[in-house]
C-alpha atoms as a PDB file:
ATOM      1  CA  MET A   1     211.619  77.368 170.636  1.00  0.00           C
ATOM      2  CA  SER A   2     213.812  75.076 168.589  1.00  0.00           C
ATOM      3  CA  GLY A   3     213.452  73.009 165.445  1.00  0.00           C
ATOM      4  CA  HIS A   4     210.744  74.383 163.176  1.00  0.00           C
ATOM      5  CA  SER A   5     208.420  75.755 165.860  1.00  0.00           C
ATOM      6  CA  LYS A   6     205.653  77.955 164.502  1.00  0.00           C
ATOM      7  CA  TRP A   7     204.024  81.137 165.679  1.00  0.00           C
ATOM      8  CA  SER A   8     201.078  79.035 166.877  1.00  0.00           C
ATOM      9  CA  THR A   9     203.187  77.240 169.497  1.00  0.00           C
ATOM     10  CA  ILE A  10     204.968  80.444 170.503  1.00  0.00           C
ATOM     11  CA  LYS A  11     201.574  82.131 170.778  1.00  0.00           C
ATOM     12  CA  HIS A  12     200.373  79.411 173.106  1.00  0.00           C
ATOM     13  CA  LYS A  13     203.512  79.691 175.239  1.00  0.00           C
ATOM     14  CA  LYS A  14     202.900  83.437 175.557  1.00  0.00           C
ATOM     15  CA  GLY A  15     199.368  82.757 176.778  1.00  0.00           C
ATOM     16  CA  ALA A  16     197.887  84.752 173.922  1.00  0.00           C
ATOM     17  CA  ALA A  17     195.550  81.963 172.878  1.00  0.00           C
ATOM     18  CA  ASP A  18     193.761  81.915 176.239  1.00  0.00           C
ATOM     19  CA  ALA A  19     193.592  85.701 176.429  1.00  0.00           C
ATOM     20  CA  LYS A  20     191.851  85.904 173.058  1.00  0.00           C
ATOM     21  CA  ARG A  21     189.332  83.077 173.367  1.00  0.00           C
ATOM     22  CA  GLY A  22     186.487  85.332 172.163  1.00  0.00           C
ATOM     23  CA  LYS A  23     188.374  86.078 168.969  1.00  0.00           C
ATOM     24  CA  VAL A  24     189.182  82.387 168.560  1.00  0.00           C
ATOM     25  CA  PHE A  25     185.467  81.539 168.663  1.00  0.00           C
ATOM     26  CA  THR A  26     184.700  84.225 166.066  1.00  0.00           C
ATOM     27  CA  LYS A  27     187.397  82.944 163.707  1.00  0.00           C
ATOM     28  CA  ILE A  28     186.246  79.337 164.011  1.00  0.00           C
ATOM     29  CA  ILE A  29     182.606  80.276 163.391  1.00  0.00           C
ATOM     30  CA  LYS A  30     183.613  82.129 160.221  1.00  0.00           C
ATOM     31  CA  GLU A  31     185.603  79.111 159.050  1.00  0.00           C
ATOM     32  CA  ILE A  32     182.656  76.771 159.712  1.00  0.00           C
ATOM     33  CA  MET A  33     180.329  79.055 157.754  1.00  0.00           C
ATOM     34  CA  VAL A  34     182.627  79.271 154.736  1.00  0.00           C
ATOM     35  CA  ALA A  35     183.408  75.543 154.797  1.00  0.00           C
ATOM     36  CA  ALA A  36     179.681  74.714 154.898  1.00  0.00           C
ATOM     37  CA  ARG A  37     178.912  77.187 152.115  1.00  0.00           C
ATOM     38  CA  MET A  38     181.582  75.745 149.838  1.00  0.00           C
ATOM     39  CA  GLY A  39     181.259  72.039 150.568  1.00  0.00           C
ATOM     40  CA  GLY A  40     177.860  71.507 152.159  1.00  0.00           C
ATOM     41  CA  GLY A  41     176.734  71.018 155.719  1.00  0.00           C
ATOM     42  CA  ALA A  42     177.398  67.266 156.023  1.00  0.00           C
ATOM     43  CA  VAL A  43     180.414  67.047 158.320  1.00  0.00           C
ATOM     44  CA  ASP A  44     181.463  63.537 157.272  1.00  0.00           C
ATOM     45  CA  ALA A  45     181.383  64.433 153.562  1.00  0.00           C
ATOM     46  CA  ASN A  46     183.166  67.785 153.885  1.00  0.00           C
ATOM     47  CA  PRO A  47     186.829  67.490 155.066  1.00  0.00           C
ATOM     48  CA  ARG A  48     187.251  71.223 155.557  1.00  0.00           C
ATOM     49  CA  LEU A  49     184.084  71.448 157.639  1.00  0.00           C
ATOM     50  CA  ARG A  50     185.110  68.397 159.637  1.00  0.00           C
ATOM     51  CA  ALA A  51     188.443  70.045 160.497  1.00  0.00           C
ATOM     52  CA  ALA A  52     186.670  73.260 161.508  1.00  0.00           C
ATOM     53  CA  VAL A  53     184.224  71.397 163.741  1.00  0.00           C
ATOM     54  CA  LEU A  54     187.124  69.526 165.356  1.00  0.00           C
ATOM     55  CA  ALA A  55     188.798  72.872 166.046  1.00  0.00           C
ATOM     56  CA  ALA A  56     185.562  74.170 167.567  1.00  0.00           C
ATOM     57  CA  LYS A  57     185.243  71.152 169.836  1.00  0.00           C
ATOM     58  CA  ALA A  58     188.890  71.481 170.876  1.00  0.00           C
ATOM     59  CA  GLU A  59     188.036  75.009 172.075  1.00  0.00           C
ATOM     60  CA  ASN A  60     184.939  73.692 173.902  1.00  0.00           C
ATOM     61  CA  MET A  61     182.575  75.635 171.666  1.00  0.00           C
ATOM     62  CA  PRO A  62     178.922  74.827 172.491  1.00  0.00           C
ATOM     63  CA  LYS A  63     177.225  72.410 170.096  1.00  0.00           C
ATOM     64  CA  ASP A  64     174.437  74.931 169.385  1.00  0.00           C
ATOM     65  CA  ASN A  65     176.997  77.490 168.166  1.00  0.00           C
ATOM     66  CA  ILE A  66     178.524  74.951 165.801  1.00  0.00           C
ATOM     67  CA  GLU A  67     175.174  73.880 164.365  1.00  0.00           C
ATOM     68  CA  ARG A  68     174.039  77.487 163.932  1.00  0.00           C
ATOM     69  CA  ALA A  69     177.246  78.369 162.065  1.00  0.00           C
ATOM     70  CA  ILE A  70     176.749  75.398 159.718  1.00  0.00           C
ATOM     71  CA  LYS A  71     173.183  76.468 158.981  1.00  0.00           C
ATOM     72  CA  LYS A  72     174.304  80.030 158.270  1.00  0.00           C
ATOM     73  CA  GLY A  73     176.871  78.654 155.864  1.00  0.00           C
ATOM     74  CA  THR A  74     174.391  76.488 153.992  1.00  0.00           C
ATOM     75  CA  GLY A  75     171.809  79.281 153.864  1.00  0.00           C
ATOM     76  CA  GLU A  76     169.298  77.682 156.235  1.00  0.00           C
ATOM     77  CA  LEU A  77     169.825  80.707 158.493  1.00  0.00           C
ATOM     78  CA  GLU A  78     170.707  84.232 157.442  1.00  0.00           C
ATOM     79  CA  GLY A  79     174.401  85.032 157.749  1.00  0.00           C
ATOM     80  CA  VAL A  80     177.205  87.251 156.475  1.00  0.00           C
ATOM     81  CA  ALA A  81     178.928  86.296 153.194  1.00  0.00           C
ATOM     82  CA  TYR A  82     182.679  86.150 153.809  1.00  0.00           C
ATOM     83  CA  GLU A  83     185.363  86.314 151.140  1.00  0.00           C
ATOM     84  CA  GLU A  84     188.680  84.484 151.478  1.00  0.00           C
ATOM     85  CA  MET A  85     192.021  86.016 150.569  1.00  0.00           C
ATOM     86  CA  ASN A  86     195.689  85.518 151.368  1.00  0.00           C
ATOM     87  CA  TYR A  87     198.416  88.081 151.916  1.00  0.00           C
ATOM     88  CA  GLU A  88     202.129  87.391 151.842  1.00  0.00           C
ATOM     89  CA  GLY A  89     204.980  89.527 153.029  1.00  0.00           C
ATOM     90  CA  TYR A  90     208.090  89.918 155.109  1.00  0.00           C
ATOM     91  CA  GLY A  91     208.539  90.875 158.716  1.00  0.00           C
ATOM     92  CA  PRO A  92     211.607  92.487 160.314  1.00  0.00           C
ATOM     93  CA  GLY A  93     214.738  90.510 159.565  1.00  0.00           C
ATOM     94  CA  GLY A  94     213.319  89.132 156.337  1.00  0.00           C
ATOM     95  CA  VAL A  95     211.045  86.635 158.088  1.00  0.00           C
ATOM     96  CA  ALA A  96     208.365  85.136 155.814  1.00  0.00           C
ATOM     97  CA  VAL A  97     204.775  85.887 156.869  1.00  0.00           C
ATOM     98  CA  LEU A  98     201.636  84.301 155.429  1.00  0.00           C
ATOM     99  CA  VAL A  99     198.196  85.666 156.362  1.00  0.00           C
ATOM    100  CA  ASP A 100     194.786  84.043 155.807  1.00  0.00           C
ATOM    101  CA  ILE A 101     191.945  86.560 155.522  1.00  0.00           C
ATOM    102  CA  MET A 102     188.210  86.025 155.799  1.00  0.00           C
ATOM    103  CA  THR A 103     186.320  89.288 155.401  1.00  0.00           C
ATOM    104  CA  ASP A 104     183.063  90.924 154.386  1.00  0.00           C
ATOM    105  CA  ASN A 105     184.967  94.037 153.239  1.00  0.00           C
ATOM    106  CA  ARG A 106     187.978  93.472 150.954  1.00  0.00           C
ATOM    107  CA  ASN A 107     189.091  97.135 150.965  1.00  0.00           C
ATOM    108  CA  ARG A 108     189.035  97.396 154.758  1.00  0.00           C
ATOM    109  CA  ALA A 109     191.030  94.186 155.113  1.00  0.00           C
ATOM    110  CA  ALA A 110     193.679  95.258 152.592  1.00  0.00           C
ATOM    111  CA  SER A 111     194.164  98.626 154.278  1.00  0.00           C
ATOM    112  CA  ASP A 112     194.317  97.088 157.751  1.00  0.00           C
ATOM    113  CA  ILE A 113     196.871  94.411 156.838  1.00  0.00           C
ATOM    114  CA  ARG A 114     199.099  96.881 154.985  1.00  0.00           C
ATOM    115  CA  HIS A 115     199.037  99.195 158.012  1.00  0.00           C
ATOM    116  CA  ILE A 116     199.915  96.394 160.449  1.00  0.00           C
ATOM    117  CA  PHE A 117     202.902  95.329 158.358  1.00  0.00           C
ATOM    118  CA  SER A 118     204.269  98.847 157.885  1.00  0.00           C
ATOM    119  CA  ARG A 119     203.721  99.831 161.534  1.00  0.00           C
ATOM    120  CA  ASN A 120     205.764  96.853 162.717  1.00  0.00           C
ATOM    121  CA  GLY A 121     208.736  97.011 160.367  1.00  0.00           C
ATOM    122  CA  GLY A 122     207.435  94.652 157.705  1.00  0.00           C
ATOM    123  CA  ASN A 123     206.154  94.969 154.169  1.00  0.00           C
ATOM    124  CA  LEU A 124     203.650  93.187 151.945  1.00  0.00           C
ATOM    125  CA  GLY A 125     204.979  91.213 148.985  1.00  0.00           C
ATOM    126  CA  GLU A 126     203.645  89.874 145.704  1.00  0.00           C
ATOM    127  CA  ALA A 127     201.378  86.826 145.581  1.00  0.00           C
ATOM    128  CA  GLY A 128     203.500  83.693 145.795  1.00  0.00           C
ATOM    129  CA  CYS A 129     206.565  85.359 147.320  1.00  0.00           C
ATOM    130  CA  VAL A 130     206.542  83.246 150.519  1.00  0.00           C
ATOM    131  CA  ALA A 131     203.688  80.712 150.194  1.00  0.00           C
ATOM    132  CA  TRP A 132     206.079  78.160 148.688  1.00  0.00           C
ATOM    133  CA  MET A 133     207.959  78.092 152.009  1.00  0.00           C
ATOM    134  CA  PHE A 134     204.972  76.562 153.855  1.00  0.00           C
ATOM    135  CA  SER A 135     203.069  73.259 153.705  1.00  0.00           C
ATOM    136  CA  LYS A 136     199.576  72.685 155.109  1.00  0.00           C
ATOM    137  CA  LYS A 137     199.738  70.070 157.864  1.00  0.00           C
ATOM    138  CA  GLY A 138     198.040  68.938 161.036  1.00  0.00           C
ATOM    139  CA  SER A 139     199.812  69.880 164.276  1.00  0.00           C
ATOM    140  CA  ILE A 140     199.181  68.457 167.748  1.00  0.00           C
ATOM    141  CA  VAL A 141     201.347  69.833 170.557  1.00  0.00           C
ATOM    142  CA  PHE A 142     201.980  68.207 173.946  1.00  0.00           C
ATOM    143  CA  ASN A 143     203.822  69.459 177.013  1.00  0.00           C
ATOM    144  CA  LYS A 144     206.585  67.027 177.902  1.00  0.00           C
ATOM    145  CA  ASP A 145     205.592  66.891 181.561  1.00  0.00           C
ATOM    146  CA  LYS A 146     202.151  65.506 180.628  1.00  0.00           C
ATOM    147  CA  VAL A 147     203.068  62.672 178.285  1.00  0.00           C
ATOM    148  CA  SER A 148     205.602  59.881 177.873  1.00  0.00           C
ATOM    149  CA  GLU A 149     207.684  60.164 174.703  1.00  0.00           C
ATOM    150  CA  ASP A 150     207.519  56.408 174.066  1.00  0.00           C
ATOM    151  CA  GLU A 151     203.733  56.308 174.417  1.00  0.00           C
ATOM    152  CA  LEU A 152     203.328  59.409 172.285  1.00  0.00           C
ATOM    153  CA  MET A 153     205.533  58.032 169.512  1.00  0.00           C
ATOM    154  CA  GLU A 154     203.753  54.680 169.520  1.00  0.00           C
ATOM    155  CA  ILE A 155     200.255  56.171 169.286  1.00  0.00           C
ATOM    156  CA  ALA A 156     201.219  58.839 166.746  1.00  0.00           C
ATOM    157  CA  LEU A 157     202.982  56.573 164.293  1.00  0.00           C
ATOM    158  CA  ASP A 158     200.436  53.752 164.603  1.00  0.00           C
ATOM    159  CA  ALA A 159     197.639  56.255 163.842  1.00  0.00           C
ATOM    160  CA  GLY A 160     199.377  57.540 160.708  1.00  0.00           C
ATOM    161  CA  ALA A 161     201.295  60.656 161.826  1.00  0.00           C
ATOM    162  CA  ASP A 162     204.133  61.886 159.617  1.00  0.00           C
ATOM    163  CA  ASP A 163     206.583  62.840 162.340  1.00  0.00           C
ATOM    164  CA  VAL A 164     207.100  63.727 166.015  1.00  0.00           C
ATOM    165  CA  LYS A 165     209.321  66.753 166.705  1.00  0.00           C
ATOM    166  CA  ASP A 166     211.189  67.399 169.955  1.00  0.00           C
ATOM    167  CA  GLU A 167     210.655  71.133 170.661  1.00  0.00           C
ATOM    168  CA  ASP A 168     212.451  71.907 173.952  1.00  0.00           C
ATOM    169  CA  ASP A 169     209.677  71.497 176.546  1.00  0.00           C
ATOM    170  CA  GLN A 170     207.101  70.256 174.019  1.00  0.00           C
ATOM    171  CA  PHE A 171     206.511  67.486 171.499  1.00  0.00           C
ATOM    172  CA  GLU A 172     204.844  68.389 168.210  1.00  0.00           C
ATOM    173  CA  VAL A 173     203.101  65.681 166.210  1.00  0.00           C
ATOM    174  CA  ILE A 174     202.904  66.471 162.484  1.00  0.00           C
ATOM    175  CA  THR A 175     200.256  64.828 160.299  1.00  0.00           C
ATOM    176  CA  SER A 176     198.944  65.043 156.767  1.00  0.00           C
ATOM    177  CA  LEU A 177     195.564  66.741 156.309  1.00  0.00           C
ATOM    178  CA  GLU A 178     193.987  63.373 155.607  1.00  0.00           C
ATOM    179  CA  GLU A 179     195.286  61.738 158.793  1.00  0.00           C
ATOM    180  CA  PHE A 180     194.810  64.668 161.205  1.00  0.00           C
ATOM    181  CA  ALA A 181     191.371  63.565 162.444  1.00  0.00           C
ATOM    182  CA  ASN A 182     192.506  59.938 162.876  1.00  0.00           C
ATOM    183  CA  VAL A 183     195.629  60.868 164.825  1.00  0.00           C
ATOM    184  CA  LYS A 184     193.741  63.310 167.042  1.00  0.00           C
ATOM    185  CA  ALA A 185     191.059  60.671 167.701  1.00  0.00           C
ATOM    186  CA  ALA A 186     193.757  58.167 168.691  1.00  0.00           C
ATOM    187  CA  PHE A 187     195.108  60.578 171.311  1.00  0.00           C
ATOM    188  CA  ASP A 188     191.586  61.344 172.535  1.00  0.00           C
ATOM    189  CA  ALA A 189     190.861  57.638 172.899  1.00  0.00           C
ATOM    190  CA  ARG A 190     193.922  57.250 175.130  1.00  0.00           C
ATOM    191  CA  GLU A 191     192.998  60.455 177.013  1.00  0.00           C
ATOM    192  CA  LEU A 192     196.324  62.151 176.305  1.00  0.00           C
ATOM    193  CA  ALA A 193     195.987  65.881 176.968  1.00  0.00           C
ATOM    194  CA  TYR A 194     197.379  68.116 174.207  1.00  0.00           C
ATOM    195  CA  GLU A 195     197.906  71.873 174.263  1.00  0.00           C
ATOM    196  CA  VAL A 196     197.154  72.632 170.600  1.00  0.00           C
ATOM    197  CA  ALA A 197     195.451  70.574 167.878  1.00  0.00           C
ATOM    198  CA  GLU A 198     195.018  72.409 164.586  1.00  0.00           C
ATOM    199  CA  ILE A 199     195.451  72.525 160.848  1.00  0.00           C
ATOM    200  CA  THR A 200     198.320  74.904 160.211  1.00  0.00           C
ATOM    201  CA  MET A 201     201.005  75.943 157.751  1.00  0.00           C
ATOM    202  CA  VAL A 202     204.352  74.400 158.646  1.00  0.00           C
ATOM    203  CA  PRO A 203     207.439  76.275 157.393  1.00  0.00           C
ATOM    204  CA  GLN A 204     209.978  74.211 155.477  1.00  0.00           C
ATOM    205  CA  THR A 205     212.843  76.296 156.893  1.00  0.00           C
ATOM    206  CA  THR A 206     213.071  78.751 159.773  1.00  0.00           C
ATOM    207  CA  VAL A 207     214.942  81.938 160.660  1.00  0.00           C
ATOM    208  CA  ARG A 208     216.446  81.686 164.139  1.00  0.00           C
ATOM    209  CA  VAL A 209     216.008  84.983 165.988  1.00  0.00           C
ATOM    210  CA  GLU A 210     218.477  85.586 168.828  1.00  0.00           C
ATOM    211  CA  ASP A 211     218.272  89.383 168.958  1.00  0.00           C
ATOM    212  CA  GLU A 212     215.765  90.494 171.611  1.00  0.00           C
ATOM    213  CA  LYS A 213     214.764  93.704 169.839  1.00  0.00           C
ATOM    214  CA  LEU A 214     214.071  91.841 166.597  1.00  0.00           C
ATOM    215  CA  ALA A 215     212.155  89.152 168.476  1.00  0.00           C
ATOM    216  CA  GLN A 216     209.957  91.811 170.110  1.00  0.00           C
ATOM    217  CA  GLN A 217     209.271  93.429 166.728  1.00  0.00           C
ATOM    218  CA  LEU A 218     208.231  90.110 165.234  1.00  0.00           C
ATOM    219  CA  LEU A 219     205.939  89.262 168.138  1.00  0.00           C
ATOM    220  CA  ARG A 220     204.310  92.707 167.879  1.00  0.00           C
ATOM    221  CA  LEU A 221     203.718  92.140 164.155  1.00  0.00           C
ATOM    222  CA  MET A 222     202.135  88.749 164.731  1.00  0.00           C
ATOM    223  CA  ASP A 223     200.056  90.000 167.665  1.00  0.00           C
ATOM    224  CA  GLY A 224     198.813  92.866 165.488  1.00  0.00           C
ATOM    225  CA  LEU A 225     197.762  90.447 162.761  1.00  0.00           C
ATOM    226  CA  GLU A 226     196.053  88.122 165.245  1.00  0.00           C
ATOM    227  CA  ASP A 227     194.117  91.080 166.667  1.00  0.00           C
ATOM    228  CA  SER A 228     192.653  91.996 163.269  1.00  0.00           C
ATOM    229  CA  ASP A 229     189.029  90.923 162.935  1.00  0.00           C
ATOM    230  CA  ASP A 230     189.641  89.977 159.298  1.00  0.00           C
ATOM    231  CA  VAL A 231     192.623  87.691 159.966  1.00  0.00           C
ATOM    232  CA  GLN A 232     191.842  84.008 160.370  1.00  0.00           C
ATOM    233  CA  ASN A 233     195.421  82.819 160.743  1.00  0.00           C
ATOM    234  CA  ALA A 234     198.904  84.263 160.541  1.00  0.00           C
ATOM    235  CA  TYR A 235     201.991  82.110 159.996  1.00  0.00           C
ATOM    236  CA  ALA A 236     205.679  82.932 160.085  1.00  0.00           C
ATOM    237  CA  ASN A 237     208.953  81.028 159.814  1.00  0.00           C
ATOM    238  CA  PHE A 238     210.843  82.587 162.727  1.00  0.00           C
ATOM    239  CA  ASP A 239     212.279  80.641 165.626  1.00  0.00           C
ATOM    240  CA  ILE A 240     212.851  82.298 169.028  1.00  0.00           C
ATOM    241  CA  PRO A 241     214.985  80.442 171.614  1.00  0.00           C
ATOM    242  CA  ASP A 242     213.153  79.751 174.874  1.00  0.00           C
ATOM    243  CA  GLU A 243     215.544  81.814 176.978  1.00  0.00           C
ATOM    244  CA  ILE A 244     214.829  84.917 174.868  1.00  0.00           C
ATOM    245  CA  LEU A 245     211.093  84.267 174.686  1.00  0.00           C
ATOM    246  CA  ASP A 246     210.931  83.907 178.473  1.00  0.00           C
ATOM    247  CA  ARG A 247     212.585  87.330 178.903  1.00  0.00           C
ATOM    248  CA  ILE A 248     210.350  89.241 176.498  1.00  0.00           C
ATOM    249  CA  ALA A 249     206.986  87.457 176.728  1.00  0.00           C
END
């Protein structure tokens, strides 16, 4: 991947997103519950909940599941109380890693994350050590063989997107949080098929990884974090060229 490609797009290229659909549903349900608990169950009046519901619909989550998660969050139905935390650290090669946690057991989560980092050649850092390297943005990714660049650019910029990045065999549309729903709706209205549509943390700079062994270590670290039941999202600022990714994925 080139430019400022994120773990989320690499993950999709590896096929990990499809292989872990059950975990994806669990993570989205937790996010809906917390968003509803903090900001209320009215989707239109709660931006965080609206983004979570959009993510659920993008994964074809049944409407009943979404509504049940909202009711658990607002207390209309009994549900687990989740606590949010963030961990920051460094992977092999000094790569910055940011981890969003949503857990019902703080001690278990801390132990698990520390173990995943140390087992894969990384280490946890102090709060604030890498968060400044990332900005929260909307990201919508298209395969180049499914969309015209001119059409994509026209729709994206007219709808309020910040930028369109050329990422080898993909285009990535970057939006502000406020414009994410509008830009996504504009693509939906034109029936343009995207691969990923999500709120994510975009790194301001990236570390290009051209050593295969280091690339494998980093992917193992990120896979380990994604597999943790307490991890909602994991972000990193590494960049693996397509030719290396194709050999090791």
